[in-house]
Amino acid sequence: MSERSGAAERDPGLQPERTRLAWRRTTLSSTVAAVLAVKTALHGGTSATGILACALVCALWLAFLLLAHRRIRALATAPAPTALRPRQAALAVLCAVATAVCAAALVV
């Protein structure tokens, strides 16, 4: 048996489950951050800037939620999970960084 065929038969064990749980935790954290950002943006009353910030945060949250849901579903249905595509990874990082920038802008 070659090393390559041994890797193809490798039992992933609980790694896919841990990865799914990590995506769920990250989604929950993103949800909390979005709710707090909306609360902060609308705390002093509604303004055009506050509504725009809320819309941006909600759009980023929805994009991350969609990406996470697709990844969780892919991990749950595939017997051997595939690697996260670079485009999906870049989108996840972009959503996280943009949410952080929005949060920092709202605090300052």
PDB file of N, CA and C in Angstrom:
ATOM      1  N   MET A   1       0.841  -1.167   0.000  1.00  0.00           N
ATOM      2  CA  MET A   1       0.000   0.000   0.000  1.00  0.00           C
ATOM      3  C   MET A   1       0.892   1.237   0.000  1.00  0.00           C
ATOM      4  N   SER A   2       0.647   2.115  -0.909  1.00  0.00           N
ATOM      5  CA  SER A   2       1.459   3.328  -0.988  1.00  0.00           C
ATOM      6  C   SER A   2       0.953   4.362   0.009  1.00  0.00           C
ATOM      7  N   GLU A   3       1.780   5.341   0.238  1.00  0.00           N
ATOM      8  CA  GLU A   3       1.432   6.401   1.179  1.00  0.00           C
ATOM      9  C   GLU A   3       0.228   7.189   0.691  1.00  0.00           C
ATOM     10  N   ARG A   4       0.118   7.367  -0.596  1.00  0.00           N
ATOM     11  CA  ARG A   4      -0.973   8.121  -1.193  1.00  0.00           C
ATOM     12  C   ARG A   4      -2.313   7.416  -1.002  1.00  0.00           C
ATOM     13  N   SER A   5      -2.367   6.105  -1.205  1.00  0.00           N
ATOM     14  CA  SER A   5      -3.632   5.403  -1.050  1.00  0.00           C
ATOM     15  C   SER A   5      -4.027   5.318   0.418  1.00  0.00           C
ATOM     16  N   GLY A   6      -3.058   5.299   1.331  1.00  0.00           N
ATOM     17  CA  GLY A   6      -3.353   5.316   2.758  1.00  0.00           C
ATOM     18  C   GLY A   6      -4.010   6.625   3.167  1.00  0.00           C
ATOM     19  N   ALA A   7      -3.604   7.722   2.528  1.00  0.00           N
ATOM     20  CA  ALA A   7      -4.195   9.015   2.835  1.00  0.00           C
ATOM     21  C   ALA A   7      -5.633   9.086   2.333  1.00  0.00           C
ATOM     22  N   ALA A   8      -5.923   8.424   1.206  1.00  0.00           N
ATOM     23  CA  ALA A   8      -7.267   8.431   0.663  1.00  0.00           C
ATOM     24  C   ALA A   8      -8.222   7.642   1.557  1.00  0.00           C
ATOM     25  N   GLU A   9      -7.719   6.657   2.282  1.00  0.00           N
ATOM     26  CA  GLU A   9      -8.548   5.832   3.137  1.00  0.00           C
ATOM     27  C   GLU A   9      -8.563   6.328   4.583  1.00  0.00           C
ATOM     28  N   ARG A  10      -7.954   7.434   4.835  1.00  0.00           N
ATOM     29  CA  ARG A  10      -7.849   7.963   6.187  1.00  0.00           C
ATOM     30  C   ARG A  10      -9.236   8.257   6.747  1.00  0.00           C
ATOM     31  N   ASP A  11      -9.439   7.850   7.986  1.00  0.00           N
ATOM     32  CA  ASP A  11     -10.683   8.136   8.684  1.00  0.00           C
ATOM     33  C   ASP A  11     -10.573   9.536   9.270  1.00  0.00           C
ATOM     34  N   PRO A  12     -11.456  10.461   8.880  1.00  0.00           N
ATOM     35  CA  PRO A  12     -11.351  11.826   9.382  1.00  0.00           C
ATOM     36  C   PRO A  12     -11.699  11.957  10.862  1.00  0.00           C
ATOM     37  N   GLY A  13     -12.290  10.915  11.432  1.00  0.00           N
ATOM     38  CA  GLY A  13     -12.616  10.971  12.860  1.00  0.00           C
ATOM     39  C   GLY A  13     -13.605  12.075  13.160  1.00  0.00           C
ATOM     40  N   LEU A  14     -13.324  12.842  14.186  1.00  0.00           N
ATOM     41  CA  LEU A  14     -14.231  13.904  14.599  1.00  0.00           C
ATOM     42  C   LEU A  14     -13.869  15.270  14.027  1.00  0.00           C
ATOM     43  N   GLN A  15     -12.878  15.313  13.156  1.00  0.00           N
ATOM     44  CA  GLN A  15     -12.459  16.601  12.603  1.00  0.00           C
ATOM     45  C   GLN A  15     -13.603  17.339  11.894  1.00  0.00           C
ATOM     46  N   PRO A  16     -14.397  16.674  11.031  1.00  0.00           N
ATOM     47  CA  PRO A  16     -15.500  17.407  10.404  1.00  0.00           C
ATOM     48  C   PRO A  16     -16.502  17.953  11.427  1.00  0.00           C
ATOM     49  N   GLU A  17     -16.764  17.178  12.480  1.00  0.00           N
ATOM     50  CA  GLU A  17     -17.692  17.647  13.515  1.00  0.00           C
ATOM     51  C   GLU A  17     -17.126  18.863  14.255  1.00  0.00           C
ATOM     52  N   ARG A  18     -15.851  18.828  14.585  1.00  0.00           N
ATOM     53  CA  ARG A  18     -15.226  19.981  15.249  1.00  0.00           C
ATOM     54  C   ARG A  18     -15.246  21.206  14.342  1.00  0.00           C
ATOM     55  N   THR A  19     -15.034  20.984  13.056  1.00  0.00           N
ATOM     56  CA  THR A  19     -15.044  22.103  12.114  1.00  0.00           C
ATOM     57  C   THR A  19     -16.442  22.690  11.998  1.00  0.00           C
ATOM     58  N   ARG A  20     -17.467  21.826  11.943  1.00  0.00           N
ATOM     59  CA  ARG A  20     -18.845  22.321  11.910  1.00  0.00           C
ATOM     60  C   ARG A  20     -19.155  23.128  13.170  1.00  0.00           C
ATOM     61  N   LEU A  21     -18.738  22.632  14.319  1.00  0.00           N
ATOM     62  CA  LEU A  21     -18.976  23.361  15.563  1.00  0.00           C
ATOM     63  C   LEU A  21     -18.244  24.701  15.581  1.00  0.00           C
ATOM     64  N   ALA A  22     -17.051  24.737  15.025  1.00  0.00           N
ATOM     65  CA  ALA A  22     -16.297  25.997  14.949  1.00  0.00           C
ATOM     66  C   ALA A  22     -17.025  27.011  14.063  1.00  0.00           C
ATOM     67  N   TRP A  23     -17.565  26.563  12.933  1.00  0.00           N
ATOM     68  CA  TRP A  23     -18.330  27.451  12.065  1.00  0.00           C
ATOM     69  C   TRP A  23     -19.566  27.963  12.798  1.00  0.00           C
ATOM     70  N   ARG A  24     -20.225  27.091  13.559  1.00  0.00           N
ATOM     71  CA  ARG A  24     -21.424  27.512  14.307  1.00  0.00           C
ATOM     72  C   ARG A  24     -21.068  28.531  15.387  1.00  0.00           C
ATOM     73  N   ARG A  25     -19.971  28.304  16.101  1.00  0.00           N
ATOM     74  CA  ARG A  25     -19.544  29.268  17.120  1.00  0.00           C
ATOM     75  C   ARG A  25     -19.207  30.613  16.497  1.00  0.00           C
ATOM     76  N   THR A  26     -18.526  30.584  15.372  1.00  0.00           N
ATOM     77  CA  THR A  26     -18.158  31.827  14.693  1.00  0.00           C
ATOM     78  C   THR A  26     -19.406  32.557  14.205  1.00  0.00           C
ATOM     79  N   THR A  27     -20.384  31.814  13.721  1.00  0.00           N
ATOM     80  CA  THR A  27     -21.642  32.419  13.283  1.00  0.00           C
ATOM     81  C   THR A  27     -22.371  33.054  14.464  1.00  0.00           C
ATOM     82  N   LEU A  28     -22.370  32.371  15.599  1.00  0.00           N
ATOM     83  CA  LEU A  28     -22.998  32.935  16.793  1.00  0.00           C
ATOM     84  C   LEU A  28     -22.283  34.210  17.225  1.00  0.00           C
ATOM     85  N   SER A  29     -20.965  34.204  17.213  1.00  0.00           N
ATOM     86  CA  SER A  29     -20.194  35.402  17.572  1.00  0.00           C
ATOM     87  C   SER A  29     -20.483  36.549  16.611  1.00  0.00           C
ATOM     88  N   SER A  30     -20.592  36.227  15.337  1.00  0.00           N
ATOM     89  CA  SER A  30     -20.903  37.241  14.333  1.00  0.00           C
ATOM     90  C   SER A  30     -22.297  37.817  14.567  1.00  0.00           C
ATOM     91  N   THR A  31     -23.224  36.967  14.955  1.00  0.00           N
ATOM     92  CA  THR A  31     -24.584  37.426  15.239  1.00  0.00           C
ATOM     93  C   THR A  31     -24.602  38.387  16.422  1.00  0.00           C
ATOM     94  N   VAL A  32     -23.893  38.034  17.472  1.00  0.00           N
ATOM     95  CA  VAL A  32     -23.819  38.908  18.653  1.00  0.00           C
ATOM     96  C   VAL A  32     -23.176  40.241  18.280  1.00  0.00           C
ATOM     97  N   ALA A  33     -22.103  40.199  17.512  1.00  0.00           N
ATOM     98  CA  ALA A  33     -21.434  41.439  17.094  1.00  0.00           C
ATOM     99  C   ALA A  33     -22.363  42.309  16.245  1.00  0.00           C
ATOM    100  N   ALA A  34     -23.120  41.695  15.353  1.00  0.00           N
ATOM    101  CA  ALA A  34     -24.041  42.454  14.509  1.00  0.00           C
ATOM    102  C   ALA A  34     -25.153  43.093  15.338  1.00  0.00           C
ATOM    103  N   VAL A  35     -25.706  42.337  16.286  1.00  0.00           N
ATOM    104  CA  VAL A  35     -26.771  42.883  17.133  1.00  0.00           C
ATOM    105  C   VAL A  35     -26.244  44.053  17.966  1.00  0.00           C
ATOM    106  N   LEU A  36     -25.061  43.898  18.536  1.00  0.00           N
ATOM    107  CA  LEU A  36     -24.479  44.987  19.331  1.00  0.00           C
ATOM    108  C   LEU A  36     -24.152  46.199  18.464  1.00  0.00           C
ATOM    109  N   ALA A  37     -23.704  45.962  17.242  1.00  0.00           N
ATOM    110  CA  ALA A  37     -23.403  47.078  16.339  1.00  0.00           C
ATOM    111  C   ALA A  37     -24.683  47.838  15.983  1.00  0.00           C
ATOM    112  N   VAL A  38     -25.757  47.097  15.713  1.00  0.00           N
ATOM    113  CA  VAL A  38     -27.032  47.755  15.399  1.00  0.00           C
ATOM    114  C   VAL A  38     -27.537  48.532  16.615  1.00  0.00           C
ATOM    115  N   LYS A  39     -27.419  47.943  17.777  1.00  0.00           N
ATOM    116  CA  LYS A  39     -27.848  48.626  19.007  1.00  0.00           C
ATOM    117  C   LYS A  39     -27.045  49.914  19.213  1.00  0.00           C
ATOM    118  N   THR A  40     -25.740  49.834  19.005  1.00  0.00           N
ATOM    119  CA  THR A  40     -24.888  51.007  19.171  1.00  0.00           C
ATOM    120  C   THR A  40     -25.209  52.076  18.130  1.00  0.00           C
ATOM    121  N   ALA A  41     -25.446  51.655  16.891  1.00  0.00           N
ATOM    122  CA  ALA A  41     -25.724  52.621  15.823  1.00  0.00           C
ATOM    123  C   ALA A  41     -27.036  53.353  16.048  1.00  0.00           C
ATOM    124  N   LEU A  42     -28.006  52.673  16.643  1.00  0.00           N
ATOM    125  CA  LEU A  42     -29.321  53.286  16.826  1.00  0.00           C
ATOM    126  C   LEU A  42     -29.555  53.813  18.237  1.00  0.00           C
ATOM    127  N   HIS A  43     -28.545  53.772  19.086  1.00  0.00           N
ATOM    128  CA  HIS A  43     -28.702  54.154  20.492  1.00  0.00           C
ATOM    129  C   HIS A  43     -29.127  55.608  20.678  1.00  0.00           C
ATOM    130  N   GLY A  44     -28.538  56.501  19.969  1.00  0.00           N
ATOM    131  CA  GLY A  44     -28.845  57.922  20.134  1.00  0.00           C
ATOM    132  C   GLY A  44     -30.019  58.387  19.294  1.00  0.00           C
ATOM    133  N   GLY A  45     -30.717  57.498  18.660  1.00  0.00           N
ATOM    134  CA  GLY A  45     -31.808  57.850  17.751  1.00  0.00           C
ATOM    135  C   GLY A  45     -31.422  57.480  16.329  1.00  0.00           C
ATOM    136  N   THR A  46     -32.404  57.512  15.482  1.00  0.00           N
ATOM    137  CA  THR A  46     -32.129  57.134  14.095  1.00  0.00           C
ATOM    138  C   THR A  46     -31.578  58.317  13.315  1.00  0.00           C
ATOM    139  N   SER A  47     -30.599  58.008  12.509  1.00  0.00           N
ATOM    140  CA  SER A  47     -30.022  58.984  11.591  1.00  0.00           C
ATOM    141  C   SER A  47     -29.671  58.247  10.310  1.00  0.00           C
ATOM    142  N   ALA A  48     -29.399  58.988   9.282  1.00  0.00           N
ATOM    143  CA  ALA A  48     -29.051  58.375   8.006  1.00  0.00           C
ATOM    144  C   ALA A  48     -27.770  57.558   8.131  1.00  0.00           C
ATOM    145  N   THR A  49     -26.802  58.063   8.879  1.00  0.00           N
ATOM    146  CA  THR A  49     -25.540  57.348   9.075  1.00  0.00           C
ATOM    147  C   THR A  49     -25.760  56.066   9.868  1.00  0.00           C
ATOM    148  N   GLY A  50     -26.586  56.142  10.908  1.00  0.00           N
ATOM    149  CA  GLY A  50     -26.880  54.966  11.717  1.00  0.00           C
ATOM    150  C   GLY A  50     -27.595  53.889  10.922  1.00  0.00           C
ATOM    151  N   ILE A  51     -28.554  54.297  10.114  1.00  0.00           N
ATOM    152  CA  ILE A  51     -29.287  53.331   9.296  1.00  0.00           C
ATOM    153  C   ILE A  51     -28.367  52.713   8.253  1.00  0.00           C
ATOM    154  N   LEU A  52     -27.487  53.504   7.665  1.00  0.00           N
ATOM    155  CA  LEU A  52     -26.526  52.983   6.695  1.00  0.00           C
ATOM    156  C   LEU A  52     -25.572  51.988   7.360  1.00  0.00           C
ATOM    157  N   ALA A  53     -25.102  52.318   8.555  1.00  0.00           N
ATOM    158  CA  ALA A  53     -24.220  51.400   9.282  1.00  0.00           C
ATOM    159  C   ALA A  53     -24.945  50.101   9.612  1.00  0.00           C
ATOM    160  N   CYS A  54     -26.205  50.207  10.027  1.00  0.00           N
ATOM    161  CA  CYS A  54     -26.997  48.999  10.321  1.00  0.00           C
ATOM    162  C   CYS A  54     -27.169  48.133   9.071  1.00  0.00           C
ATOM    163  N   ALA A  55     -27.468  48.764   7.962  1.00  0.00           N
ATOM    164  CA  ALA A  55     -27.648  48.023   6.717  1.00  0.00           C
ATOM    165  C   ALA A  55     -26.354  47.322   6.308  1.00  0.00           C
ATOM    166  N   LEU A  56     -25.234  48.007   6.460  1.00  0.00           N
ATOM    167  CA  LEU A  56     -23.944  47.417   6.105  1.00  0.00           C
ATOM    168  C   LEU A  56     -23.611  46.231   7.008  1.00  0.00           C
ATOM    169  N   VAL A  57     -23.805  46.407   8.309  1.00  0.00           N
ATOM    170  CA  VAL A  57     -23.521  45.323   9.251  1.00  0.00           C
ATOM    171  C   VAL A  57     -24.431  44.133   8.982  1.00  0.00           C
ATOM    172  N   CYS A  58     -25.704  44.395   8.719  1.00  0.00           N
ATOM    173  CA  CYS A  58     -26.644  43.296   8.437  1.00  0.00           C
ATOM    174  C   CYS A  58     -26.277  42.580   7.133  1.00  0.00           C
ATOM    175  N   ALA A  59     -25.850  43.313   6.126  1.00  0.00           N
ATOM    176  CA  ALA A  59     -25.440  42.681   4.865  1.00  0.00           C
ATOM    177  C   ALA A  59     -24.203  41.806   5.071  1.00  0.00           C
ATOM    178  N   LEU A  60     -23.246  42.299   5.844  1.00  0.00           N
ATOM    179  CA  LEU A  60     -22.048  41.503   6.133  1.00  0.00           C
ATOM    180  C   LEU A  60     -22.412  40.256   6.931  1.00  0.00           C
ATOM    181  N   TRP A  61     -23.311  40.403   7.890  1.00  0.00           N
ATOM    182  CA  TRP A  61     -23.740  39.258   8.697  1.00  0.00           C
ATOM    183  C   TRP A  61     -24.446  38.222   7.837  1.00  0.00           C
ATOM    184  N   LEU A  62     -25.323  38.671   6.947  1.00  0.00           N
ATOM    185  CA  LEU A  62     -26.030  37.734   6.067  1.00  0.00           C
ATOM    186  C   LEU A  62     -25.066  37.011   5.123  1.00  0.00           C
ATOM    187  N   ALA A  63     -24.079  37.735   4.604  1.00  0.00           N
ATOM    188  CA  ALA A  63     -23.095  37.097   3.721  1.00  0.00           C
ATOM    189  C   ALA A  63     -22.315  36.026   4.477  1.00  0.00           C
ATOM    190  N   PHE A  64     -21.886  36.344   5.698  1.00  0.00           N
ATOM    191  CA  PHE A  64     -21.150  35.357   6.490  1.00  0.00           C
ATOM    192  C   PHE A  64     -22.046  34.192   6.867  1.00  0.00           C
ATOM    193  N   LEU A  65     -23.288  34.464   7.211  1.00  0.00           N
ATOM    194  CA  LEU A  65     -24.229  33.405   7.566  1.00  0.00           C
ATOM    195  C   LEU A  65     -24.443  32.448   6.400  1.00  0.00           C
ATOM    196  N   LEU A  66     -24.601  32.980   5.206  1.00  0.00           N
ATOM    197  CA  LEU A  66     -24.778  32.142   4.019  1.00  0.00           C
ATOM    198  C   LEU A  66     -23.538  31.288   3.765  1.00  0.00           C
ATOM    199  N   LEU A  67     -22.379  31.899   3.854  1.00  0.00           N
ATOM    200  CA  LEU A  67     -21.132  31.158   3.651  1.00  0.00           C
ATOM    201  C   LEU A  67     -20.968  30.059   4.690  1.00  0.00           C
ATOM    202  N   ALA A  68     -21.223  30.378   5.944  1.00  0.00           N
ATOM    203  CA  ALA A  68     -21.083  29.390   7.014  1.00  0.00           C
ATOM    204  C   ALA A  68     -22.090  28.260   6.842  1.00  0.00           C
ATOM    205  N   HIS A  69     -23.321  28.587   6.466  1.00  0.00           N
ATOM    206  CA  HIS A  69     -24.340  27.552   6.277  1.00  0.00           C
ATOM    207  C   HIS A  69     -23.950  26.593   5.155  1.00  0.00           C
ATOM    208  N   ARG A  70     -23.449  27.146   4.064  1.00  0.00           N
ATOM    209  CA  ARG A  70     -23.004  26.284   2.957  1.00  0.00           C
ATOM    210  C   ARG A  70     -21.855  25.381   3.384  1.00  0.00           C
ATOM    211  N   ARG A  71     -20.928  25.927   4.156  1.00  0.00           N
ATOM    212  CA  ARG A  71     -19.781  25.132   4.600  1.00  0.00           C
ATOM    213  C   ARG A  71     -20.207  24.053   5.586  1.00  0.00           C
ATOM    214  N   ILE A  72     -21.088  24.393   6.511  1.00  0.00           N
ATOM    215  CA  ILE A  72     -21.581  23.403   7.473  1.00  0.00           C
ATOM    216  C   ILE A  72     -22.311  22.284   6.749  1.00  0.00           C
ATOM    217  N   ARG A  73     -23.135  22.650   5.773  1.00  0.00           N
ATOM    218  CA  ARG A  73     -23.865  21.637   5.009  1.00  0.00           C
ATOM    219  C   ARG A  73     -22.910  20.757   4.206  1.00  0.00           C
ATOM    220  N   ALA A  74     -21.884  21.349   3.610  1.00  0.00           N
ATOM    221  CA  ALA A  74     -20.902  20.573   2.849  1.00  0.00           C
ATOM    222  C   ALA A  74     -20.143  19.607   3.758  1.00  0.00           C
ATOM    223  N   LEU A  75     -19.816  20.042   4.948  1.00  0.00           N
ATOM    224  CA  LEU A  75     -19.105  19.169   5.889  1.00  0.00           C
ATOM    225  C   LEU A  75     -20.002  18.047   6.395  1.00  0.00           C
ATOM    226  N   ALA A  76     -21.295  18.312   6.511  1.00  0.00           N
ATOM    227  CA  ALA A  76     -22.216  17.315   7.045  1.00  0.00           C
ATOM    228  C   ALA A  76     -22.587  16.257   6.014  1.00  0.00           C
ATOM    229  N   THR A  77     -22.611  16.618   4.747  1.00  0.00           N
ATOM    230  CA  THR A  77     -23.094  15.687   3.728  1.00  0.00           C
ATOM    231  C   THR A  77     -21.988  14.886   3.053  1.00  0.00           C
ATOM    232  N   ALA A  78     -20.793  15.391   3.031  1.00  0.00           N
ATOM    233  CA  ALA A  78     -19.711  14.702   2.321  1.00  0.00           C
ATOM    234  C   ALA A  78     -19.034  13.685   3.240  1.00  0.00           C
ATOM    235  N   PRO A  79     -18.790  12.483   2.734  1.00  0.00           N
ATOM    236  CA  PRO A  79     -18.084  11.503   3.559  1.00  0.00           C
ATOM    237  C   PRO A  79     -16.640  11.925   3.845  1.00  0.00           C
ATOM    238  N   ALA A  80     -16.007  12.557   2.875  1.00  0.00           N
ATOM    239  CA  ALA A  80     -14.653  13.088   3.051  1.00  0.00           C
ATOM    240  C   ALA A  80     -14.722  14.585   2.756  1.00  0.00           C
ATOM    241  N   PRO A  81     -14.622  15.425   3.775  1.00  0.00           N
ATOM    242  CA  PRO A  81     -14.779  16.861   3.543  1.00  0.00           C
ATOM    243  C   PRO A  81     -13.723  17.413   2.603  1.00  0.00           C
ATOM    244  N   THR A  82     -14.156  18.311   1.754  1.00  0.00           N
ATOM    245  CA  THR A  82     -13.238  18.965   0.827  1.00  0.00           C
ATOM    246  C   THR A  82     -12.658  20.206   1.492  1.00  0.00           C
ATOM    247  N   ALA A  83     -11.569  20.654   0.971  1.00  0.00           N
ATOM    248  CA  ALA A  83     -10.923  21.855   1.501  1.00  0.00           C
ATOM    249  C   ALA A  83     -11.760  23.083   1.150  1.00  0.00           C
ATOM    250  N   LEU A  84     -11.683  24.078   2.002  1.00  0.00           N
ATOM    251  CA  LEU A  84     -12.367  25.334   1.753  1.00  0.00           C
ATOM    252  C   LEU A  84     -11.688  26.010   0.566  1.00  0.00           C
ATOM    253  N   ARG A  85     -12.497  26.417  -0.402  1.00  0.00           N
ATOM    254  CA  ARG A  85     -11.937  27.065  -1.588  1.00  0.00           C
ATOM    255  C   ARG A  85     -11.382  28.447  -1.221  1.00  0.00           C
ATOM    256  N   PRO A  86     -10.331  28.876  -1.900  1.00  0.00           N
ATOM    257  CA  PRO A  86      -9.724  30.175  -1.572  1.00  0.00           C
ATOM    258  C   PRO A  86     -10.710  31.336  -1.656  1.00  0.00           C
ATOM    259  N   ARG A  87     -11.621  31.292  -2.599  1.00  0.00           N
ATOM    260  CA  ARG A  87     -12.597  32.371  -2.740  1.00  0.00           C
ATOM    261  C   ARG A  87     -13.514  32.432  -1.514  1.00  0.00           C
ATOM    262  N   GLN A  88     -13.940  31.261  -1.030  1.00  0.00           N
ATOM    263  CA  GLN A  88     -14.793  31.220   0.162  1.00  0.00           C
ATOM    264  C   GLN A  88     -14.025  31.683   1.396  1.00  0.00           C
ATOM    265  N   ALA A  89     -12.782  31.264   1.509  1.00  0.00           N
ATOM    266  CA  ALA A  89     -11.961  31.687   2.641  1.00  0.00           C
ATOM    267  C   ALA A  89     -11.757  33.202   2.618  1.00  0.00           C
ATOM    268  N   ALA A  90     -11.503  33.747   1.442  1.00  0.00           N
ATOM    269  CA  ALA A  90     -11.310  35.194   1.320  1.00  0.00           C
ATOM    270  C   ALA A  90     -12.590  35.943   1.679  1.00  0.00           C
ATOM    271  N   LEU A  91     -13.739  35.409   1.274  1.00  0.00           N
ATOM    272  CA  LEU A  91     -15.017  36.039   1.603  1.00  0.00           C
ATOM    273  C   LEU A  91     -15.270  36.017   3.110  1.00  0.00           C
ATOM    274  N   ALA A  92     -14.950  34.902   3.754  1.00  0.00           N
ATOM    275  CA  ALA A  92     -15.131  34.805   5.207  1.00  0.00           C
ATOM    276  C   ALA A  92     -14.241  35.815   5.931  1.00  0.00           C
ATOM    277  N   VAL A  93     -13.002  35.921   5.501  1.00  0.00           N
ATOM    278  CA  VAL A  93     -12.076  36.883   6.120  1.00  0.00           C
ATOM    279  C   VAL A  93     -12.543  38.313   5.852  1.00  0.00           C
ATOM    280  N   LEU A  94     -12.985  38.583   4.644  1.00  0.00           N
ATOM    281  CA  LEU A  94     -13.466  39.922   4.297  1.00  0.00           C
ATOM    282  C   LEU A  94     -14.657  40.312   5.167  1.00  0.00           C
ATOM    283  N   CYS A  95     -15.606  39.397   5.344  1.00  0.00           N
ATOM    284  CA  CYS A  95     -16.773  39.688   6.192  1.00  0.00           C
ATOM    285  C   CYS A  95     -16.353  39.949   7.631  1.00  0.00           C
ATOM    286  N   ALA A  96     -15.445  39.142   8.153  1.00  0.00           N
ATOM    287  CA  ALA A  96     -15.000  39.313   9.539  1.00  0.00           C
ATOM    288  C   ALA A  96     -14.265  40.636   9.721  1.00  0.00           C
ATOM    289  N   VAL A  97     -13.373  40.968   8.810  1.00  0.00           N
ATOM    290  CA  VAL A  97     -12.599  42.213   8.920  1.00  0.00           C
ATOM    291  C   VAL A  97     -13.510  43.428   8.736  1.00  0.00           C
ATOM    292  N   ALA A  98     -14.412  43.351   7.781  1.00  0.00           N
ATOM    293  CA  ALA A  98     -15.330  44.485   7.549  1.00  0.00           C
ATOM    294  C   ALA A  98     -16.249  44.696   8.737  1.00  0.00           C
ATOM    295  N   THR A  99     -16.709  43.616   9.359  1.00  0.00           N
ATOM    296  CA  THR A  99     -17.521  43.744  10.569  1.00  0.00           C
ATOM    297  C   THR A  99     -16.732  44.391  11.693  1.00  0.00           C
ATOM    298  N   ALA A 100     -15.475  43.995  11.837  1.00  0.00           N
ATOM    299  CA  ALA A 100     -14.619  44.597  12.861  1.00  0.00           C
ATOM    300  C   ALA A 100     -14.393  46.081  12.597  1.00  0.00           C
ATOM    301  N   VAL A 101     -14.196  46.454  11.350  1.00  0.00           N
ATOM    302  CA  VAL A 101     -14.008  47.867  10.989  1.00  0.00           C
ATOM    303  C   VAL A 101     -15.278  48.659  11.295  1.00  0.00           C
ATOM    304  N   CYS A 102     -16.440  48.080  10.963  1.00  0.00           N
ATOM    305  CA  CYS A 102     -17.713  48.757  11.277  1.00  0.00           C
ATOM    306  C   CYS A 102     -17.866  48.925  12.782  1.00  0.00           C
ATOM    307  N   ALA A 103     -17.531  47.894  13.535  1.00  0.00           N
ATOM    308  CA  ALA A 103     -17.643  47.984  14.988  1.00  0.00           C
ATOM    309  C   ALA A 103     -16.720  49.059  15.542  1.00  0.00           C
ATOM    310  N   ALA A 104     -15.506  49.104  15.039  1.00  0.00           N
ATOM    311  CA  ALA A 104     -14.558  50.125  15.505  1.00  0.00           C
ATOM    312  C   ALA A 104     -15.057  51.525  15.142  1.00  0.00           C
ATOM    313  N   ALA A 105     -15.628  51.675  13.976  1.00  0.00           N
ATOM    314  CA  ALA A 105     -16.157  52.980  13.554  1.00  0.00           C
ATOM    315  C   ALA A 105     -17.328  53.410  14.427  1.00  0.00           C
ATOM    316  N   LEU A 106     -18.138  52.447  14.841  1.00  0.00           N
ATOM    317  CA  LEU A 106     -19.291  52.788  15.676  1.00  0.00           C
ATOM    318  C   LEU A 106     -18.882  53.157  17.091  1.00  0.00           C
ATOM    319  N   VAL A 107     -17.809  52.558  17.568  1.00  0.00           N
ATOM    320  CA  VAL A 107     -17.354  52.825  18.938  1.00  0.00           C
ATOM    321  C   VAL A 107     -16.663  54.177  19.013  1.00  0.00           C
ATOM    322  N   VAL A 108     -15.923  54.526  17.994  1.00  0.00           N
ATOM    323  CA  VAL A 108     -15.149  55.768  18.009  1.00  0.00           C
ATOM    324  C   VAL A 108     -15.972  56.956  17.678  1.00  0.00           C
TER     325      VAL A 108
END
